[in-house]
Amino acid sequence: QVQLVESGGGLVQPGGSLRLSCAASGFIFSYYTMRWYRQAPGKERELVASISSNGGITNYADSVKGRFTISRDNAKNTVALQMNSLKPEDTAVYYCMRYENNDWGQGTQVTVSS
């Protein structure tokens, strides 16, 4: 069955960095667009970043442009989100998502606080 397992979340100080990873299984990873979403308490889930099947096209929310980088390794069936210059408003649960089939991981908590 399809599985998306996120890891790498945690507590970080403002200005710090984290790298999230999502391990995919149960489907041909290289065929699909992958996305990262996040959901902060009391807010709707929002799209953070997207990457095309071959990694050639990436898109970002305005709020993270220049700070976050999405990447993928189709040989390892993983998609990553490098997050730099983190701000308290980046605090949220971050989810990995397979776009075409609307499959979601369980999420990983990111907390940015001093």
N, C-alpha and C. Protein backbone atom coordinates (compact mmCIF):
# COMPACT_ATOMS: atom_id res chain seq x y z
N GLN A 1 0.84 -1.18 0.00
CA GLN A 1 0.00 0.00 0.00
C GLN A 1 0.89 1.25 0.00
N VAL A 2 0.28 2.35 -0.38
CA VAL A 2 1.01 3.61 -0.43
C VAL A 2 1.35 4.06 0.99
N GLN A 3 2.61 4.44 1.17
CA GLN A 3 3.03 5.01 2.45
C GLN A 3 3.90 6.23 2.21
N LEU A 4 3.63 7.26 2.99
CA LEU A 4 4.45 8.47 3.00
C LEU A 4 4.79 8.73 4.46
N VAL A 5 6.08 8.70 4.76
CA VAL A 5 6.51 8.83 6.15
C VAL A 5 7.46 10.01 6.28
N GLU A 6 7.00 11.03 7.00
CA GLU A 6 7.81 12.23 7.20
C GLU A 6 8.70 12.07 8.42
N SER A 7 9.82 12.76 8.39
CA SER A 7 10.73 12.80 9.53
C SER A 7 11.51 14.10 9.48
N GLY A 8 12.18 14.41 10.60
CA GLY A 8 13.06 15.56 10.63
C GLY A 8 12.52 16.78 11.36
N GLY A 9 11.28 16.71 11.81
CA GLY A 9 10.73 17.83 12.54
C GLY A 9 11.36 17.97 13.92
N GLY A 10 11.02 19.08 14.59
CA GLY A 10 11.55 19.29 15.92
C GLY A 10 11.41 20.74 16.35
N LEU A 11 12.12 21.06 17.41
CA LEU A 11 12.12 22.42 17.96
C LEU A 11 13.40 23.12 17.53
N VAL A 12 13.26 24.32 17.00
CA VAL A 12 14.42 25.08 16.54
C VAL A 12 14.22 26.55 16.89
N GLN A 13 15.31 27.24 17.12
CA GLN A 13 15.23 28.66 17.43
C GLN A 13 15.00 29.48 16.17
N PRO A 14 14.40 30.65 16.30
CA PRO A 14 14.26 31.53 15.13
C PRO A 14 15.61 31.76 14.46
N GLY A 15 15.60 31.73 13.13
CA GLY A 15 16.82 31.87 12.38
C GLY A 15 17.52 30.55 12.09
N GLY A 16 17.06 29.50 12.72
CA GLY A 16 17.69 28.20 12.54
C GLY A 16 17.20 27.47 11.30
N SER A 17 17.68 26.23 11.16
CA SER A 17 17.36 25.42 9.98
C SER A 17 16.90 24.03 10.41
N LEU A 18 16.07 23.45 9.56
CA LEU A 18 15.67 22.05 9.69
C LEU A 18 15.55 21.48 8.29
N ARG A 19 15.76 20.18 8.21
CA ARG A 19 15.56 19.47 6.95
C ARG A 19 14.55 18.37 7.17
N LEU A 20 13.42 18.48 6.49
CA LEU A 20 12.40 17.44 6.55
C LEU A 20 12.62 16.46 5.42
N SER A 21 12.28 15.21 5.69
CA SER A 21 12.37 14.19 4.66
C SER A 21 11.08 13.38 4.64
N CYS A 22 10.72 12.90 3.47
CA CYS A 22 9.54 12.06 3.30
C CYS A 22 9.95 10.82 2.50
N ALA A 23 9.78 9.67 3.11
CA ALA A 23 10.10 8.41 2.45
C ALA A 23 8.82 7.82 1.87
N ALA A 24 8.84 7.53 0.58
CA ALA A 24 7.65 7.04 -0.11
C ALA A 24 7.81 5.57 -0.47
N SER A 25 6.70 4.86 -0.45
CA SER A 25 6.71 3.47 -0.87
C SER A 25 5.32 3.08 -1.35
N GLY A 26 5.26 1.99 -2.12
CA GLY A 26 3.98 1.48 -2.58
C GLY A 26 3.54 2.01 -3.93
N PHE A 27 4.38 2.82 -4.56
CA PHE A 27 4.04 3.33 -5.89
C PHE A 27 5.34 3.72 -6.60
N ILE A 28 5.22 3.98 -7.89
CA ILE A 28 6.40 4.36 -8.67
C ILE A 28 6.65 5.85 -8.46
N PHE A 29 7.53 6.13 -7.53
CA PHE A 29 7.74 7.48 -7.03
C PHE A 29 8.05 8.48 -8.14
N SER A 30 8.86 8.08 -9.10
CA SER A 30 9.33 9.01 -10.13
C SER A 30 8.24 9.45 -11.09
N TYR A 31 7.05 8.88 -10.96
CA TYR A 31 5.96 9.26 -11.87
C TYR A 31 5.17 10.46 -11.36
N TYR A 32 5.35 10.83 -10.10
CA TYR A 32 4.40 11.73 -9.46
C TYR A 32 5.00 13.03 -8.96
N THR A 33 4.15 14.09 -9.06
CA THR A 33 4.44 15.34 -8.40
C THR A 33 4.29 15.16 -6.89
N MET A 34 5.21 15.75 -6.15
CA MET A 34 5.15 15.67 -4.70
C MET A 34 5.05 17.08 -4.12
N ARG A 35 4.37 17.17 -3.00
CA ARG A 35 4.16 18.47 -2.37
C ARG A 35 4.41 18.39 -0.87
N TRP A 36 4.75 19.53 -0.30
CA TRP A 36 4.77 19.72 1.14
C TRP A 36 3.69 20.74 1.49
N TYR A 37 2.89 20.38 2.47
CA TYR A 37 1.90 21.29 3.03
C TYR A 37 2.22 21.49 4.50
N ARG A 38 1.58 22.48 5.08
CA ARG A 38 1.68 22.67 6.52
C ARG A 38 0.35 23.17 7.08
N GLN A 39 0.15 22.89 8.36
CA GLN A 39 -1.06 23.35 9.03
C GLN A 39 -0.70 23.80 10.43
N ALA A 40 -0.92 25.09 10.66
CA ALA A 40 -0.69 25.67 11.98
C ALA A 40 -1.98 25.57 12.79
N PRO A 41 -1.87 25.61 14.11
CA PRO A 41 -3.05 25.52 14.97
C PRO A 41 -4.08 26.59 14.61
N GLY A 42 -5.31 26.17 14.41
CA GLY A 42 -6.38 27.10 14.13
C GLY A 42 -6.40 27.66 12.73
N LYS A 43 -5.52 27.14 11.87
CA LYS A 43 -5.44 27.63 10.49
C LYS A 43 -5.69 26.50 9.50
N GLU A 44 -6.01 26.90 8.28
CA GLU A 44 -6.21 25.91 7.23
C GLU A 44 -4.85 25.38 6.74
N ARG A 45 -4.90 24.17 6.21
CA ARG A 45 -3.69 23.60 5.63
C ARG A 45 -3.30 24.40 4.40
N GLU A 46 -2.01 24.71 4.26
CA GLU A 46 -1.55 25.50 3.13
C GLU A 46 -0.42 24.81 2.40
N LEU A 47 -0.38 25.03 1.10
CA LEU A 47 0.68 24.48 0.26
C LEU A 47 1.97 25.27 0.51
N VAL A 48 3.04 24.55 0.77
CA VAL A 48 4.34 25.17 1.01
C VAL A 48 5.22 25.10 -0.24
N ALA A 49 5.32 23.92 -0.81
CA ALA A 49 6.21 23.74 -1.96
C ALA A 49 5.77 22.52 -2.76
N SER A 50 6.10 22.55 -4.04
CA SER A 50 5.75 21.48 -4.95
C SER A 50 6.94 21.19 -5.86
N ILE A 51 7.08 19.93 -6.26
CA ILE A 51 8.16 19.55 -7.17
C ILE A 51 7.62 18.56 -8.19
N SER A 52 7.97 18.76 -9.46
CA SER A 52 7.49 17.88 -10.52
C SER A 52 8.14 16.51 -10.43
N SER A 53 7.64 15.59 -11.23
CA SER A 53 8.08 14.19 -11.14
C SER A 53 9.58 14.02 -11.36
N ASN A 54 10.15 14.81 -12.27
CA ASN A 54 11.59 14.67 -12.53
C ASN A 54 12.42 15.72 -11.79
N GLY A 55 11.75 16.52 -10.97
CA GLY A 55 12.45 17.53 -10.19
C GLY A 55 12.76 18.81 -10.93
N GLY A 56 12.34 18.90 -12.17
CA GLY A 56 12.71 20.05 -12.98
C GLY A 56 11.92 21.31 -12.70
N ILE A 57 10.77 21.17 -12.10
CA ILE A 57 9.92 22.33 -11.82
C ILE A 57 9.58 22.35 -10.33
N THR A 58 9.85 23.47 -9.71
CA THR A 58 9.51 23.65 -8.30
C THR A 58 8.70 24.94 -8.15
N ASN A 59 7.85 24.93 -7.16
CA ASN A 59 7.06 26.12 -6.84
C ASN A 59 6.98 26.26 -5.33
N TYR A 60 6.87 27.52 -4.89
CA TYR A 60 6.87 27.81 -3.46
C TYR A 60 5.79 28.82 -3.11
N ALA A 61 5.30 28.71 -1.90
CA ALA A 61 4.45 29.76 -1.36
C ALA A 61 5.29 31.02 -1.19
N ASP A 62 4.66 32.16 -1.37
CA ASP A 62 5.39 33.42 -1.22
C ASP A 62 6.05 33.54 0.15
N SER A 63 5.39 33.00 1.14
CA SER A 63 5.87 33.14 2.52
C SER A 63 7.18 32.39 2.78
N VAL A 64 7.54 31.46 1.90
CA VAL A 64 8.76 30.68 2.13
C VAL A 64 9.80 30.84 1.02
N LYS A 65 9.48 31.57 -0.02
CA LYS A 65 10.42 31.75 -1.12
C LYS A 65 11.73 32.34 -0.63
N GLY A 66 12.81 31.75 -1.09
CA GLY A 66 14.13 32.22 -0.70
C GLY A 66 14.63 31.63 0.61
N ARG A 67 13.75 30.95 1.34
CA ARG A 67 14.15 30.35 2.61
C ARG A 67 14.06 28.82 2.58
N PHE A 68 13.08 28.29 1.84
CA PHE A 68 12.86 26.85 1.78
C PHE A 68 13.25 26.33 0.40
N THR A 69 13.73 25.10 0.38
CA THR A 69 14.06 24.45 -0.89
C THR A 69 13.52 23.02 -0.88
N ILE A 70 12.74 22.70 -1.89
CA ILE A 70 12.23 21.34 -2.04
C ILE A 70 13.12 20.59 -3.03
N SER A 71 13.36 19.32 -2.75
CA SER A 71 14.18 18.51 -3.64
C SER A 71 13.70 17.06 -3.56
N ARG A 72 14.13 16.25 -4.51
CA ARG A 72 13.74 14.84 -4.49
C ARG A 72 14.88 13.99 -5.00
N ASP A 73 14.88 12.75 -4.55
CA ASP A 73 15.83 11.75 -5.02
C ASP A 73 15.01 10.56 -5.50
N ASN A 74 14.82 10.45 -6.80
CA ASN A 74 13.96 9.39 -7.33
C ASN A 74 14.59 8.00 -7.18
N ALA A 75 15.89 7.95 -7.02
CA ALA A 75 16.54 6.65 -6.80
C ALA A 75 16.27 6.13 -5.39
N LYS A 76 16.06 7.07 -4.46
CA LYS A 76 15.83 6.68 -3.06
C LYS A 76 14.37 6.84 -2.63
N ASN A 77 13.53 7.30 -3.56
CA ASN A 77 12.10 7.50 -3.26
C ASN A 77 11.88 8.44 -2.08
N THR A 78 12.60 9.54 -2.11
CA THR A 78 12.45 10.51 -1.03
C THR A 78 12.26 11.91 -1.59
N VAL A 79 11.56 12.71 -0.83
CA VAL A 79 11.43 14.14 -1.12
C VAL A 79 11.78 14.89 0.16
N ALA A 80 12.51 15.97 0.02
CA ALA A 80 13.00 16.70 1.17
C ALA A 80 12.55 18.16 1.12
N LEU A 81 12.55 18.78 2.28
CA LEU A 81 12.27 20.21 2.38
C LEU A 81 13.32 20.81 3.31
N GLN A 82 14.25 21.54 2.72
CA GLN A 82 15.27 22.25 3.50
C GLN A 82 14.70 23.60 3.90
N MET A 83 14.67 23.84 5.20
CA MET A 83 14.06 25.07 5.71
C MET A 83 15.13 25.87 6.45
N ASN A 84 15.42 27.05 5.93
CA ASN A 84 16.41 27.94 6.53
C ASN A 84 15.74 29.22 7.01
N SER A 85 16.46 29.95 7.83
CA SER A 85 15.96 31.24 8.35
C SER A 85 14.54 31.09 8.90
N LEU A 86 14.35 30.09 9.71
CA LEU A 86 13.01 29.79 10.21
C LEU A 86 12.48 30.88 11.11
N LYS A 87 11.17 31.08 11.03
CA LYS A 87 10.48 32.10 11.80
C LYS A 87 9.42 31.45 12.68
N PRO A 88 9.01 32.10 13.74
CA PRO A 88 7.95 31.52 14.58
C PRO A 88 6.69 31.20 13.79
N GLU A 89 6.40 31.97 12.77
CA GLU A 89 5.20 31.72 11.97
C GLU A 89 5.32 30.49 11.07
N ASP A 90 6.49 29.89 11.03
CA ASP A 90 6.65 28.62 10.31
C ASP A 90 6.22 27.43 11.17
N THR A 91 5.92 27.67 12.41
CA THR A 91 5.48 26.60 13.30
C THR A 91 4.20 25.97 12.77
N ALA A 92 4.23 24.66 12.60
CA ALA A 92 3.09 23.94 12.02
C ALA A 92 3.42 22.45 11.97
N VAL A 93 2.41 21.67 11.66
CA VAL A 93 2.64 20.28 11.28
C VAL A 93 2.85 20.27 9.77
N TYR A 94 3.91 19.64 9.33
CA TYR A 94 4.27 19.59 7.92
C TYR A 94 3.95 18.20 7.35
N TYR A 95 3.29 18.22 6.20
CA TYR A 95 2.82 16.99 5.58
C TYR A 95 3.40 16.83 4.19
N CYS A 96 3.76 15.61 3.88
CA CYS A 96 4.17 15.21 2.54
C CYS A 96 2.94 14.69 1.80
N MET A 97 2.87 14.96 0.50
CA MET A 97 1.66 14.62 -0.24
C MET A 97 1.99 14.20 -1.66
N ARG A 98 1.36 13.12 -2.11
CA ARG A 98 1.44 12.74 -3.51
C ARG A 98 0.27 13.40 -4.23
N TYR A 99 0.58 14.31 -5.12
CA TYR A 99 -0.43 15.20 -5.66
C TYR A 99 -1.52 14.48 -6.45
N GLU A 100 -1.14 13.69 -7.42
CA GLU A 100 -2.11 13.15 -8.36
C GLU A 100 -3.14 12.22 -7.71
N ASN A 101 -2.77 11.59 -6.60
CA ASN A 101 -3.67 10.64 -5.95
C ASN A 101 -4.14 11.10 -4.58
N ASN A 102 -3.72 12.30 -4.19
CA ASN A 102 -4.15 12.87 -2.91
C ASN A 102 -3.83 11.95 -1.74
N ASP A 103 -2.61 11.42 -1.73
CA ASP A 103 -2.15 10.60 -0.61
C ASP A 103 -1.32 11.47 0.32
N TRP A 104 -1.50 11.26 1.63
CA TRP A 104 -0.86 12.10 2.64
C TRP A 104 -0.07 11.26 3.64
N GLY A 105 0.98 11.85 4.15
CA GLY A 105 1.69 11.28 5.27
C GLY A 105 1.02 11.67 6.57
N GLN A 106 1.63 11.23 7.68
CA GLN A 106 1.03 11.49 8.99
C GLN A 106 1.44 12.84 9.56
N GLY A 107 2.45 13.45 8.98
CA GLY A 107 2.88 14.77 9.41
C GLY A 107 4.02 14.73 10.41
N THR A 108 4.77 15.82 10.44
CA THR A 108 5.84 15.99 11.42
C THR A 108 5.78 17.41 11.96
N GLN A 109 5.91 17.53 13.28
CA GLN A 109 5.76 18.84 13.92
C GLN A 109 7.05 19.64 13.81
N VAL A 110 6.90 20.89 13.40
CA VAL A 110 8.00 21.85 13.41
C VAL A 110 7.60 23.01 14.32
N THR A 111 8.43 23.28 15.31
CA THR A 111 8.18 24.37 16.23
C THR A 111 9.37 25.31 16.23
N VAL A 112 9.09 26.57 15.94
CA VAL A 112 10.15 27.59 15.91
C VAL A 112 9.90 28.54 17.08
N SER A 113 10.78 28.45 18.05
CA SER A 113 10.58 29.24 19.27
C SER A 113 11.90 29.40 20.00
N SER A 114 12.03 30.53 20.67
CA SER A 114 13.21 30.76 21.49
C SER A 114 12.95 30.33 22.93
